Amino acid sequence: MKSKRRFSPEFKLKVVLEAIKERQTASELAIKFEIAPSQISTWKTEFLTNAEQLFSVKQTLEDPNETEKNSMLAKIGQLQLEVDF
């Protein structure tokens, strides 16, 4: 029985970027990377479908820091008012 091959995210990205460039056909890339052409198509479709999330994840990660920063600035302002009073 053949064991299932696992590919790293870096490898998948490398293959997908080559596929998006369209300098070689999926069959040529399949030979080059020793994988099935259908696998390249699947990874490419998945990448293009989820590419939008890359930018939304970045915004989500920045929001908690911005919220924490605003909270700290409000607390500093409140403490400054108490000291001035």
N, C-alpha and C. Protein backbone atom coordinates (compact mmCIF):
# COMPACT_ATOMS: atom_id res chain seq x y z
N MET A 1 0.85 -1.19 0.00
CA MET A 1 0.00 0.00 0.00
C MET A 1 0.88 1.24 0.00
N LYS A 2 0.56 2.19 -0.83
CA LYS A 2 1.32 3.42 -0.95
C LYS A 2 0.91 4.39 0.15
N SER A 3 1.91 5.00 0.81
CA SER A 3 1.58 5.96 1.85
C SER A 3 1.25 7.32 1.20
N LYS A 4 0.41 8.04 1.87
CA LYS A 4 -0.04 9.33 1.35
C LYS A 4 1.07 10.37 1.56
N ARG A 5 1.41 11.07 0.49
CA ARG A 5 2.43 12.11 0.59
C ARG A 5 1.83 13.37 1.19
N ARG A 6 2.62 14.03 1.98
CA ARG A 6 2.19 15.30 2.57
C ARG A 6 3.13 16.39 2.07
N PHE A 7 2.55 17.54 1.77
CA PHE A 7 3.33 18.64 1.23
C PHE A 7 3.27 19.83 2.18
N SER A 8 4.39 20.51 2.33
CA SER A 8 4.46 21.67 3.21
C SER A 8 3.72 22.84 2.55
N PRO A 9 3.27 23.78 3.36
CA PRO A 9 2.62 24.97 2.80
C PRO A 9 3.57 25.74 1.87
N GLU A 10 4.86 25.74 2.18
CA GLU A 10 5.84 26.44 1.34
C GLU A 10 5.89 25.81 -0.05
N PHE A 11 5.88 24.48 -0.10
CA PHE A 11 5.92 23.77 -1.37
C PHE A 11 4.66 24.06 -2.17
N LYS A 12 3.51 24.00 -1.51
CA LYS A 12 2.24 24.27 -2.19
C LYS A 12 2.22 25.68 -2.77
N LEU A 13 2.71 26.64 -1.98
CA LEU A 13 2.74 28.03 -2.44
C LEU A 13 3.65 28.17 -3.66
N LYS A 14 4.79 27.52 -3.62
CA LYS A 14 5.73 27.56 -4.74
C LYS A 14 5.07 27.03 -6.01
N VAL A 15 4.37 25.92 -5.89
CA VAL A 15 3.69 25.31 -7.05
C VAL A 15 2.57 26.22 -7.55
N VAL A 16 1.78 26.75 -6.65
CA VAL A 16 0.65 27.61 -7.02
C VAL A 16 1.14 28.88 -7.72
N LEU A 17 2.19 29.48 -7.19
CA LEU A 17 2.71 30.69 -7.81
C LEU A 17 3.23 30.42 -9.22
N GLU A 18 3.86 29.28 -9.40
CA GLU A 18 4.30 28.89 -10.74
C GLU A 18 3.09 28.69 -11.67
N ALA A 19 2.04 28.10 -11.13
CA ALA A 19 0.83 27.86 -11.93
C ALA A 19 0.15 29.17 -12.31
N ILE A 20 0.14 30.12 -11.39
CA ILE A 20 -0.50 31.41 -11.65
C ILE A 20 0.28 32.19 -12.72
N LYS A 21 1.58 32.05 -12.73
CA LYS A 21 2.39 32.75 -13.74
C LYS A 21 2.06 32.28 -15.16
N GLU A 22 1.58 31.05 -15.28
CA GLU A 22 1.18 30.45 -16.55
C GLU A 22 2.30 30.44 -17.60
N ARG A 23 3.52 30.26 -17.16
CA ARG A 23 4.66 30.12 -18.07
C ARG A 23 4.78 28.69 -18.57
N GLN A 24 4.22 27.75 -17.77
CA GLN A 24 4.22 26.34 -18.11
C GLN A 24 2.81 25.81 -17.91
N THR A 25 2.50 24.74 -18.61
CA THR A 25 1.18 24.13 -18.45
C THR A 25 1.16 23.35 -17.13
N ALA A 26 -0.04 22.99 -16.72
CA ALA A 26 -0.18 22.19 -15.50
C ALA A 26 0.52 20.85 -15.65
N SER A 27 0.49 20.29 -16.84
CA SER A 27 1.17 19.01 -17.08
C SER A 27 2.68 19.15 -16.94
N GLU A 28 3.22 20.23 -17.46
CA GLU A 28 4.66 20.46 -17.34
C GLU A 28 5.06 20.68 -15.88
N LEU A 29 4.24 21.44 -15.16
CA LEU A 29 4.52 21.66 -13.74
C LEU A 29 4.39 20.36 -12.95
N ALA A 30 3.44 19.54 -13.32
CA ALA A 30 3.24 18.26 -12.64
C ALA A 30 4.48 17.38 -12.78
N ILE A 31 5.06 17.38 -13.96
CA ILE A 31 6.29 16.60 -14.17
C ILE A 31 7.43 17.21 -13.37
N LYS A 32 7.54 18.52 -13.41
CA LYS A 32 8.62 19.22 -12.71
C LYS A 32 8.57 18.97 -11.20
N PHE A 33 7.37 19.04 -10.62
CA PHE A 33 7.23 18.90 -9.17
C PHE A 33 6.82 17.50 -8.73
N GLU A 34 6.64 16.61 -9.68
CA GLU A 34 6.29 15.21 -9.41
C GLU A 34 4.98 15.07 -8.63
N ILE A 35 3.98 15.77 -9.11
CA ILE A 35 2.63 15.66 -8.55
C ILE A 35 1.64 15.61 -9.70
N ALA A 36 0.39 15.31 -9.39
CA ALA A 36 -0.65 15.19 -10.41
C ALA A 36 -1.12 16.57 -10.86
N PRO A 37 -1.41 16.74 -12.15
CA PRO A 37 -1.93 18.02 -12.64
C PRO A 37 -3.22 18.44 -11.93
N SER A 38 -4.03 17.48 -11.57
CA SER A 38 -5.28 17.80 -10.87
C SER A 38 -4.99 18.39 -9.48
N GLN A 39 -3.90 17.95 -8.86
CA GLN A 39 -3.53 18.49 -7.55
C GLN A 39 -3.13 19.96 -7.68
N ILE A 40 -2.42 20.28 -8.73
CA ILE A 40 -2.04 21.67 -8.97
C ILE A 40 -3.29 22.53 -9.16
N SER A 41 -4.22 22.03 -9.93
CA SER A 41 -5.47 22.75 -10.15
C SER A 41 -6.24 22.95 -8.86
N THR A 42 -6.28 21.93 -8.03
CA THR A 42 -6.98 22.02 -6.75
C THR A 42 -6.34 23.07 -5.85
N TRP A 43 -5.01 23.02 -5.74
CA TRP A 43 -4.31 24.00 -4.90
C TRP A 43 -4.49 25.42 -5.42
N LYS A 44 -4.44 25.58 -6.74
CA LYS A 44 -4.59 26.91 -7.34
C LYS A 44 -5.98 27.47 -7.06
N THR A 45 -6.99 26.64 -7.24
CA THR A 45 -8.37 27.07 -6.97
C THR A 45 -8.55 27.44 -5.50
N GLU A 46 -8.02 26.61 -4.62
CA GLU A 46 -8.11 26.88 -3.19
C GLU A 46 -7.40 28.17 -2.84
N PHE A 47 -6.23 28.39 -3.41
CA PHE A 47 -5.48 29.62 -3.16
C PHE A 47 -6.26 30.85 -3.61
N LEU A 48 -6.76 30.81 -4.82
CA LEU A 48 -7.48 31.96 -5.36
C LEU A 48 -8.78 32.23 -4.62
N THR A 49 -9.43 31.17 -4.16
CA THR A 49 -10.67 31.32 -3.41
C THR A 49 -10.42 31.97 -2.04
N ASN A 50 -9.30 31.62 -1.41
CA ASN A 50 -9.02 32.10 -0.06
C ASN A 50 -8.07 33.29 -0.01
N ALA A 51 -7.63 33.79 -1.13
CA ALA A 51 -6.67 34.90 -1.16
C ALA A 51 -7.24 36.15 -0.49
N GLU A 52 -8.53 36.35 -0.62
CA GLU A 52 -9.18 37.52 -0.02
C GLU A 52 -9.01 37.54 1.50
N GLN A 53 -8.98 36.37 2.12
CA GLN A 53 -8.86 36.28 3.57
C GLN A 53 -7.50 36.75 4.07
N LEU A 54 -6.51 36.71 3.23
CA LEU A 54 -5.18 37.17 3.62
C LEU A 54 -5.23 38.60 4.15
N PHE A 55 -5.95 39.44 3.46
CA PHE A 55 -6.03 40.83 3.87
C PHE A 55 -6.98 41.04 5.04
N SER A 56 -8.02 40.27 5.14
CA SER A 56 -8.94 40.42 6.26
C SER A 56 -8.31 39.91 7.54
N VAL A 57 -7.47 38.89 7.47
CA VAL A 57 -6.77 38.39 8.65
C VAL A 57 -5.82 39.44 9.17
N LYS A 58 -5.13 40.14 8.28
CA LYS A 58 -4.20 41.18 8.69
C LYS A 58 -4.94 42.28 9.44
N GLN A 59 -6.09 42.70 8.95
CA GLN A 59 -6.87 43.72 9.63
C GLN A 59 -7.34 43.22 11.00
N THR A 60 -7.77 41.98 11.08
CA THR A 60 -8.24 41.42 12.33
C THR A 60 -7.13 41.39 13.36
N LEU A 61 -5.93 41.06 12.93
CA LEU A 61 -4.81 41.02 13.85
C LEU A 61 -4.42 42.40 14.35
N GLU A 62 -4.61 43.41 13.55
CA GLU A 62 -4.27 44.76 13.96
C GLU A 62 -5.31 45.36 14.90
N ASP A 63 -6.57 44.98 14.78
CA ASP A 63 -7.64 45.55 15.58
C ASP A 63 -7.44 45.39 17.08
N PRO A 64 -7.08 44.21 17.61
CA PRO A 64 -6.89 44.09 19.05
C PRO A 64 -5.80 45.01 19.58
N ASN A 65 -4.72 45.18 18.84
CA ASN A 65 -3.66 46.08 19.28
C ASN A 65 -4.15 47.52 19.32
N GLU A 66 -4.90 47.90 18.31
CA GLU A 66 -5.44 49.25 18.26
C GLU A 66 -6.43 49.47 19.40
N THR A 67 -7.26 48.49 19.70
CA THR A 67 -8.23 48.59 20.79
C THR A 67 -7.51 48.72 22.13
N GLU A 68 -6.48 47.91 22.32
CA GLU A 68 -5.70 47.96 23.56
C GLU A 68 -5.01 49.31 23.70
N LYS A 69 -4.47 49.82 22.61
CA LYS A 69 -3.79 51.11 22.62
C LYS A 69 -4.77 52.22 23.01
N ASN A 70 -5.96 52.20 22.42
CA ASN A 70 -6.97 53.22 22.73
C ASN A 70 -7.41 53.13 24.18
N SER A 71 -7.53 51.92 24.69
CA SER A 71 -7.91 51.72 26.08
C SER A 71 -6.85 52.30 27.02
N MET A 72 -5.60 52.06 26.71
CA MET A 72 -4.51 52.57 27.55
C MET A 72 -4.44 54.10 27.50
N LEU A 73 -4.65 54.67 26.30
CA LEU A 73 -4.65 56.12 26.19
C LEU A 73 -5.79 56.75 26.99
N ALA A 74 -6.95 56.11 26.99
CA ALA A 74 -8.08 56.60 27.77
C ALA A 74 -7.77 56.55 29.26
N LYS A 75 -7.13 55.47 29.69
CA LYS A 75 -6.76 55.32 31.11
C LYS A 75 -5.74 56.38 31.51
N ILE A 76 -4.76 56.65 30.63
CA ILE A 76 -3.76 57.68 30.90
C ILE A 76 -4.43 59.04 31.03
N GLY A 77 -5.36 59.31 30.13
CA GLY A 77 -6.09 60.57 30.19
C GLY A 77 -6.88 60.71 31.48
N GLN A 78 -7.51 59.61 31.91
CA GLN A 78 -8.29 59.63 33.15
C GLN A 78 -7.37 59.87 34.34
N LEU A 79 -6.25 59.20 34.40
CA LEU A 79 -5.30 59.37 35.50
C LEU A 79 -4.71 60.77 35.51
N GLN A 80 -4.46 61.34 34.34
CA GLN A 80 -3.93 62.70 34.27
C GLN A 80 -4.94 63.70 34.82
N LEU A 81 -6.24 63.48 34.51
CA LEU A 81 -7.28 64.35 35.06
C LEU A 81 -7.34 64.24 36.58
N GLU A 82 -7.19 63.05 37.12
CA GLU A 82 -7.22 62.85 38.57
C GLU A 82 -6.04 63.54 39.23
N VAL A 83 -4.87 63.48 38.60
CA VAL A 83 -3.69 64.12 39.16
C VAL A 83 -3.86 65.63 39.12
N ASP A 84 -4.38 66.16 38.03
CA ASP A 84 -4.58 67.59 37.89
C ASP A 84 -5.63 68.13 38.86
N PHE A 85 -6.58 67.33 39.22
CA PHE A 85 -7.67 67.74 40.11
C PHE A 85 -7.14 67.89 41.50
